[in-house]
Amino acid sequence: MRKPRDFDAELQALTDKAKALKTRKQGQLGELVIATGADGLSIEQLAGALLEAVGADAARREAWRKSGAAFFRGDGAGARKGAGRDARRASPDGSSAQSPAGEAGAA
């Protein structure tokens, strides 16, 4: 005679696995934001950039994919990362930008 399946236990195991995968994905996205230097943007700027990316056309997304692949391969990623950090420190008119710590205190 076959042993009956414990559907509740299987469902709980799948639920736990899904929760662990979601937590891992969120952590990886946070690490990506930090690695790219986007953590210096305000939350509103980052959300706006992501919303623009979601609505972008296929050609633009393909260009971003190539740039992202180069970032992960390490092809000049350090230069782009450093340039992004310098751009955050000074505004286009030459005045110094507010530090990320100052933005966090204002929020």
Protein backbone atom coordinates (compact mmCIF):
# COMPACT_ATOMS: atom_id res chain seq x y z
CA MET A 1 0.00 0.00 0.00
CA ARG A 2 1.27 3.47 -0.93
CA LYS A 3 1.97 6.11 1.64
CA PRO A 4 -0.46 9.04 1.34
CA ARG A 5 1.07 12.36 0.27
CA ASP A 6 1.16 15.19 2.76
CA PHE A 7 -0.07 18.00 0.51
CA ASP A 8 0.02 20.57 3.31
CA ALA A 9 3.70 19.88 4.02
CA GLU A 10 4.54 20.00 0.30
CA LEU A 11 2.68 23.27 -0.10
CA GLN A 12 4.45 24.73 2.94
CA ALA A 13 7.84 23.64 1.55
CA LEU A 14 7.07 25.28 -1.80
CA THR A 15 5.89 28.45 -0.06
CA ASP A 16 9.09 28.58 2.01
CA LYS A 17 11.21 28.06 -1.11
CA ALA A 18 9.36 30.83 -2.99
CA LYS A 19 9.85 33.20 -0.06
CA ALA A 20 13.58 32.39 0.09
CA LEU A 21 13.95 32.98 -3.66
CA LYS A 22 12.13 36.33 -3.41
CA THR A 23 14.36 37.42 -0.52
CA ARG A 24 17.47 36.38 -2.46
CA LYS A 25 16.30 38.29 -5.55
CA GLN A 26 15.67 41.44 -3.51
CA GLY A 27 19.14 41.18 -1.99
CA GLN A 28 20.74 40.75 -5.40
CA LEU A 29 18.87 43.78 -6.76
CA GLY A 30 20.11 45.85 -3.83
CA GLU A 31 23.67 44.68 -4.46
CA LEU A 32 23.31 45.62 -8.13
CA VAL A 33 22.12 49.12 -7.23
CA ILE A 34 25.18 49.56 -5.01
CA ALA A 35 27.62 48.02 -7.51
CA THR A 36 26.48 50.36 -10.30
CA GLY A 37 26.68 53.43 -8.08
CA ALA A 38 22.93 54.04 -8.36
CA ASP A 39 22.69 54.10 -4.57
CA GLY A 40 23.75 57.74 -4.77
CA LEU A 41 20.51 58.64 -6.54
CA SER A 42 17.50 59.68 -4.56
CA ILE A 43 14.78 57.05 -4.32
CA GLU A 44 12.57 59.19 -6.57
CA GLN A 45 15.30 59.46 -9.24
CA LEU A 46 15.98 55.73 -9.15
CA ALA A 47 12.26 54.90 -9.38
CA GLY A 48 11.86 57.33 -12.29
CA ALA A 49 14.81 55.80 -14.15
CA LEU A 50 13.43 52.30 -13.65
CA LEU A 51 9.98 53.36 -14.86
CA GLU A 52 11.57 54.85 -17.98
CA ALA A 53 13.46 51.58 -18.55
CA VAL A 54 10.27 49.53 -18.29
CA GLY A 55 8.61 51.65 -20.98
CA ALA A 56 11.62 51.83 -23.30
CA ASP A 57 11.57 50.45 -26.83
CA ALA A 58 13.29 47.19 -27.75
CA ALA A 59 16.30 48.84 -29.43
CA ARG A 60 17.05 50.91 -26.36
CA ARG A 61 16.69 47.91 -24.06
CA GLU A 62 19.09 45.95 -26.29
CA ALA A 63 21.67 48.74 -26.02
CA TRP A 64 21.27 48.68 -22.24
CA ARG A 65 21.62 44.89 -22.25
CA LYS A 66 24.94 45.15 -24.09
CA SER A 67 26.15 47.81 -21.68
CA GLY A 68 25.08 45.68 -18.72
CA ALA A 69 26.81 42.60 -20.13
CA ALA A 70 30.01 44.64 -20.52
CA PHE A 71 29.64 45.80 -16.91
CA PHE A 72 29.45 42.22 -15.65
CA ARG A 73 32.40 41.16 -17.82
CA GLY A 74 34.40 44.03 -16.36
CA ASP A 75 34.97 45.77 -19.71
CA GLY A 76 35.68 49.30 -18.50
CA ALA A 77 33.11 49.07 -15.73
CA GLY A 78 35.43 50.77 -13.27
CA ALA A 79 35.76 53.84 -15.50
CA ARG A 80 32.00 54.14 -15.95
CA LYS A 81 31.42 53.58 -12.24
CA GLY A 82 33.95 56.26 -11.32
CA ALA A 83 32.47 58.70 -13.81
CA GLY A 84 29.02 58.17 -12.32
CA ARG A 85 30.33 58.92 -8.85
CA ASP A 86 32.02 62.13 -10.05
CA ALA A 87 28.83 63.22 -11.77
CA ARG A 88 26.93 62.91 -8.50
CA ARG A 89 29.44 65.00 -6.58
CA ALA A 90 29.06 68.09 -8.76
CA SER A 91 26.01 69.48 -10.48
CA PRO A 92 26.15 70.71 -14.12
CA ASP A 93 26.49 74.35 -13.01
CA GLY A 94 29.67 73.53 -11.07
CA SER A 95 28.24 73.80 -7.58
CA SER A 96 28.71 70.81 -5.28
CA ALA A 97 25.82 68.39 -4.97
CA GLN A 98 24.35 67.33 -1.65
CA SER A 99 26.02 64.24 -0.22
CA PRO A 100 24.09 60.96 -0.12
CA ALA A 101 24.16 61.15 3.71
CA GLY A 102 22.52 64.56 3.52
CA GLU A 103 19.79 63.18 1.27
CA ALA A 104 19.07 60.38 3.70
CA GLY A 105 18.74 62.86 6.54
CA ALA A 106 16.28 64.97 4.54
CA ALA A 107 14.03 62.02 3.73
